[in-house]
Amino acid sequence: MTDAPTNRIPSCRRRPPPLAFVPRAALLALLLLPIAVHAQTCASPAPCDDGWKVAAAETVGLDPAALCALTPRFDAWKDADIHAVLVIRHDTLVFEHDFTGPDENWGRLLGTVTFSSNVIHDLRSITKSVTSLVLGIAIDRGWIPGVDTPVLSLLPAYASLHSPELDRITLAHLLTMSRGLKWDEITPYSDPDDSEIQMDFAVDPYRYVLTRKVDTPPGQV
């Protein structure tokens, strides 16, 4: 899902990755796809003043024909509703293709959207995958002990919220969406009682989440 097509960021502004997981993840996604290689070429991504290095695919050891084969494959896969495909290797962007398709924003249908690097995307559940990758890197580098670490032990600014119930919630519970806190997203986004809407508009979204009532023991839902 995205914000409305008229809500755009400055032209040609891709966001550089904060950690090195993005190039590896993008390459892994490419390698896992059974691609039929076509004898065709694609232009290299346009250079922008946005922090990304760009280059031709062959300069980083990738076959441009294999990358080009992604475009018709995803064009034909309408149910996937893919907005864009970017391939990064060795911290260099070597392929970028945007698609056109239906989209929505907070449940409001936007019609057919022509996606581009200028269209803001509402990532939603994609963020869970990114969070898991970042946490895995943090654990591997020794910045966080592990997934069984209590959440509040990492948030000293919220020490006043300590309670026996909250102290049992770990990173693993957050990753598996089983923290046990009362949460309502069944209510439509148009309703101010929706928990996500309340969180997004809260002065302190973290405190809002951490002060929800413990509905079930962590790990059971």
Protein backbone atom coordinates (compact mmCIF):
# COMPACT_ATOMS: atom_id res chain seq x y z
CA MET A 1 0.00 0.00 0.00
CA THR A 2 1.09 3.56 -0.58
CA ASP A 3 0.07 7.07 0.24
CA ALA A 4 -1.83 8.88 -2.50
CA PRO A 5 0.20 9.32 -5.71
CA THR A 6 0.14 13.09 -5.24
CA ASN A 7 2.04 12.75 -1.96
CA ARG A 8 5.59 12.56 -3.24
CA ILE A 9 9.09 13.04 -1.96
CA PRO A 10 11.63 15.09 -3.95
CA SER A 11 12.44 13.64 -7.37
CA CYS A 12 14.79 10.68 -7.55
CA ARG A 13 15.35 10.15 -3.87
CA ARG A 14 16.05 6.57 -2.91
CA ARG A 15 16.85 5.93 0.73
CA PRO A 16 20.26 4.31 1.39
CA PRO A 17 20.26 1.30 3.73
CA PRO A 18 21.31 1.81 7.37
CA LEU A 19 23.00 -1.61 7.54
CA ALA A 20 24.58 -4.04 5.11
CA PHE A 21 21.64 -6.46 5.21
CA VAL A 22 19.86 -4.82 2.28
CA PRO A 23 22.34 -5.76 -0.47
CA ARG A 24 22.53 -9.35 0.79
CA ALA A 25 18.77 -9.66 1.14
CA ALA A 26 18.15 -8.25 -2.32
CA LEU A 27 20.68 -10.59 -3.89
CA LEU A 28 19.28 -13.58 -2.00
CA ALA A 29 15.79 -12.79 -3.26
CA LEU A 30 17.17 -12.71 -6.79
CA LEU A 31 19.00 -16.03 -6.45
CA LEU A 32 15.93 -17.78 -5.09
CA LEU A 33 13.86 -16.91 -8.13
CA PRO A 34 13.84 -19.49 -10.96
CA ILE A 35 14.44 -17.01 -13.75
CA ALA A 36 14.32 -17.84 -17.42
CA VAL A 37 17.13 -15.85 -18.97
CA HIS A 38 16.17 -13.84 -22.02
CA ALA A 39 18.55 -12.31 -24.50
CA GLN A 40 17.77 -8.71 -23.72
CA THR A 41 19.43 -5.84 -21.93
CA CYS A 42 18.22 -3.21 -19.49
CA ALA A 43 19.51 0.26 -18.88
CA SER A 44 21.34 0.86 -15.63
CA PRO A 45 19.42 2.80 -12.95
CA ALA A 46 19.57 6.56 -13.29
CA PRO A 47 22.16 8.18 -10.98
CA CYS A 48 20.72 10.38 -8.25
CA ASP A 49 22.13 12.48 -5.47
CA ASP A 50 20.68 10.15 -2.84
CA GLY A 51 23.61 8.14 -1.49
CA TRP A 52 23.27 5.13 -3.78
CA LYS A 53 26.05 4.13 -6.13
CA VAL A 54 24.70 2.91 -9.49
CA ALA A 55 26.39 0.79 -12.13
CA ALA A 56 25.73 -1.71 -14.90
CA ALA A 57 24.89 -5.21 -13.67
CA GLU A 58 27.85 -6.83 -15.38
CA THR A 59 30.28 -4.65 -13.42
CA VAL A 60 29.30 -6.46 -10.21
CA GLY A 61 29.17 -9.92 -11.75
CA LEU A 62 25.46 -10.18 -12.53
CA ASP A 63 23.87 -11.08 -15.85
CA PRO A 64 21.75 -8.15 -17.09
CA ALA A 65 19.63 -10.51 -19.19
CA ALA A 66 18.61 -12.41 -16.04
CA LEU A 67 17.63 -9.16 -14.37
CA CYS A 68 15.61 -8.08 -17.38
CA ALA A 69 13.68 -11.35 -17.19
CA LEU A 70 12.27 -10.21 -13.84
CA THR A 71 10.15 -7.52 -15.49
CA PRO A 72 7.82 -9.71 -17.62
CA ARG A 73 7.70 -12.31 -14.87
CA PHE A 74 6.33 -9.85 -12.33
CA ASP A 75 4.21 -8.02 -14.90
CA ALA A 76 2.34 -11.27 -15.43
CA TRP A 77 2.05 -12.01 -11.70
CA LYS A 78 -0.77 -9.58 -10.97
CA ASP A 79 -1.82 -11.16 -7.67
CA ALA A 80 1.57 -10.29 -6.18
CA ASP A 81 0.85 -6.56 -6.60
CA ILE A 82 4.58 -5.77 -6.71
CA HIS A 83 5.40 -2.08 -6.65
CA ALA A 84 9.06 -2.22 -7.64
CA VAL A 85 12.09 -4.48 -7.89
CA LEU A 86 15.56 -3.24 -6.97
CA VAL A 87 18.72 -5.35 -7.06
CA ILE A 88 21.78 -4.25 -5.07
CA ARG A 89 25.16 -5.94 -4.97
CA HIS A 90 28.37 -4.74 -3.33
CA ASP A 91 26.50 -1.65 -2.10
CA THR A 92 25.69 -0.74 -5.71
CA LEU A 93 22.26 -0.43 -7.28
CA VAL A 94 22.33 -2.27 -10.61
CA PHE A 95 18.65 -2.79 -11.43
CA GLU A 96 15.48 -0.83 -10.76
CA HIS A 97 12.06 -1.31 -12.29
CA ASP A 98 8.75 0.14 -11.14
CA PHE A 99 5.35 -1.32 -11.91
CA THR A 100 1.78 -0.04 -12.24
CA GLY A 101 -1.15 -1.49 -10.36
CA PRO A 102 -4.02 -1.01 -7.89
CA ASP A 103 -3.28 0.30 -4.43
CA GLU A 104 -4.90 1.63 -1.28
CA ASN A 105 -4.09 3.83 1.68
CA TRP A 106 -5.62 3.20 5.13
CA GLY A 107 -8.30 1.11 3.42
CA ARG A 108 -9.09 3.84 0.88
CA LEU A 109 -8.79 2.62 -2.71
CA LEU A 110 -6.42 4.74 -4.81
CA GLY A 111 -7.15 3.16 -8.16
CA THR A 112 -4.26 2.40 -10.51
CA VAL A 113 -0.97 3.85 -9.32
CA THR A 114 2.19 4.29 -11.37
CA PHE A 115 4.91 3.54 -8.85
CA SER A 116 8.31 5.20 -8.90
CA SER A 117 11.12 6.18 -6.57
CA ASN A 118 9.10 9.33 -5.86
CA VAL A 119 5.97 7.56 -4.57
CA ILE A 120 5.83 7.14 -0.80
CA HIS A 121 5.04 3.58 0.28
CA ASP A 122 3.07 2.60 3.36
CA LEU A 123 5.14 -0.48 4.22
CA ARG A 124 2.83 -2.11 6.75
CA SER A 125 3.79 -5.71 7.48
CA ILE A 126 6.90 -5.52 5.31
CA THR A 127 8.42 -3.74 8.29
CA LYS A 128 8.26 -7.00 10.28
CA SER A 129 10.68 -8.67 7.88
CA VAL A 130 13.04 -5.70 7.94
CA THR A 131 12.91 -5.57 11.75
CA SER A 132 13.73 -9.29 11.97
CA LEU A 133 16.73 -8.86 9.68
CA VAL A 134 18.04 -5.86 11.60
CA LEU A 135 17.60 -7.63 14.94
CA GLY A 136 19.43 -10.69 13.61
CA ILE A 137 22.37 -8.46 12.63
CA ALA A 138 22.33 -6.76 16.03
CA ILE A 139 22.44 -10.13 17.81
CA ASP A 140 25.20 -11.40 15.51
CA ARG A 141 27.29 -8.32 16.29
CA GLY A 142 26.73 -8.64 20.01
CA TRP A 143 24.71 -5.46 20.39
CA ILE A 144 21.72 -7.39 21.81
CA PRO A 145 22.07 -10.64 23.82
CA GLY A 146 19.29 -12.54 22.01
CA VAL A 147 15.59 -12.80 21.29
CA ASP A 148 14.82 -13.81 24.88
CA THR A 149 15.91 -10.36 26.09
CA PRO A 150 13.10 -8.57 27.99
CA VAL A 151 11.92 -5.56 25.98
CA LEU A 152 11.92 -3.10 28.85
CA SER A 153 15.55 -3.92 29.67
CA LEU A 154 16.45 -2.22 26.37
CA LEU A 155 14.32 0.85 27.04
CA PRO A 156 15.73 2.65 30.09
CA ALA A 157 13.68 5.76 29.30
CA TYR A 158 10.56 3.72 30.13
CA ALA A 159 11.81 2.23 33.41
CA SER A 160 8.79 3.67 35.21
CA LEU A 161 6.57 1.21 33.32
CA HIS A 162 8.16 -1.91 34.83
CA SER A 163 5.64 -4.43 36.09
CA PRO A 164 5.67 -8.23 36.50
CA GLU A 165 3.46 -8.52 33.39
CA LEU A 166 5.47 -6.21 31.13
CA ASP A 167 8.79 -7.60 32.31
CA ARG A 168 7.82 -10.99 30.85
CA ILE A 169 7.51 -9.61 27.32
CA THR A 170 10.61 -10.41 25.27
CA LEU A 171 11.88 -9.54 21.81
CA ALA A 172 10.74 -12.99 20.69
CA HIS A 173 7.19 -12.11 21.68
CA LEU A 174 7.35 -8.90 19.64
CA LEU A 175 8.76 -10.72 16.61
CA THR A 176 6.02 -13.37 16.75
CA MET A 177 3.25 -10.86 17.50
CA SER A 178 2.47 -12.67 20.74
CA ARG A 179 3.20 -9.95 23.29
CA GLY A 180 -0.25 -10.35 24.86
CA LEU A 181 -1.12 -6.65 24.97
CA LYS A 182 -4.68 -5.61 24.17
CA TRP A 183 -4.82 -4.37 20.58
CA ASP A 184 -7.66 -3.63 18.17
CA GLU A 185 -7.18 -3.38 14.43
CA ILE A 186 -10.50 -5.00 13.60
CA THR A 187 -12.02 -1.56 14.03
CA PRO A 188 -11.82 0.31 10.69
CA TYR A 189 -8.98 2.79 10.21
CA SER A 190 -11.60 5.49 9.85
CA ASP A 191 -12.53 4.95 13.50
CA PRO A 192 -10.34 6.84 16.00
CA ASP A 193 -10.68 3.89 18.39
CA ASP A 194 -8.51 1.75 16.10
CA SER A 195 -5.32 0.95 18.04
CA GLU A 196 -2.98 1.59 15.12
CA ILE A 197 -4.54 4.98 14.47
CA GLN A 198 -4.18 5.87 18.15
CA MET A 199 -0.54 4.76 18.14
CA ASP A 200 0.31 6.71 15.01
CA PHE A 201 -1.14 9.92 16.41
CA ALA A 202 0.13 9.47 19.96
CA VAL A 203 2.68 11.97 21.25
CA ASP A 204 4.81 9.00 22.33
CA PRO A 205 3.93 5.89 20.25
CA TYR A 206 6.27 3.66 22.32
CA ARG A 207 4.62 4.63 25.58
CA TYR A 208 1.21 4.15 24.00
CA VAL A 209 2.03 0.53 23.10
CA LEU A 210 3.74 -0.26 26.41
CA THR A 211 0.79 1.03 28.43
CA ARG A 212 -1.77 -1.21 26.76
CA LYS A 213 -3.48 -3.63 29.12
CA VAL A 214 -1.93 -7.13 29.26
CA ASP A 215 -4.76 -9.21 27.82
CA THR A 216 -3.14 -12.67 27.67
CA PRO A 217 0.17 -14.12 28.88
CA PRO A 218 2.99 -13.35 26.42
CA GLY A 219 3.66 -16.14 23.97
CA GLN A 220 0.14 -17.59 23.97
CA VAL A 221 -1.42 -15.52 21.17
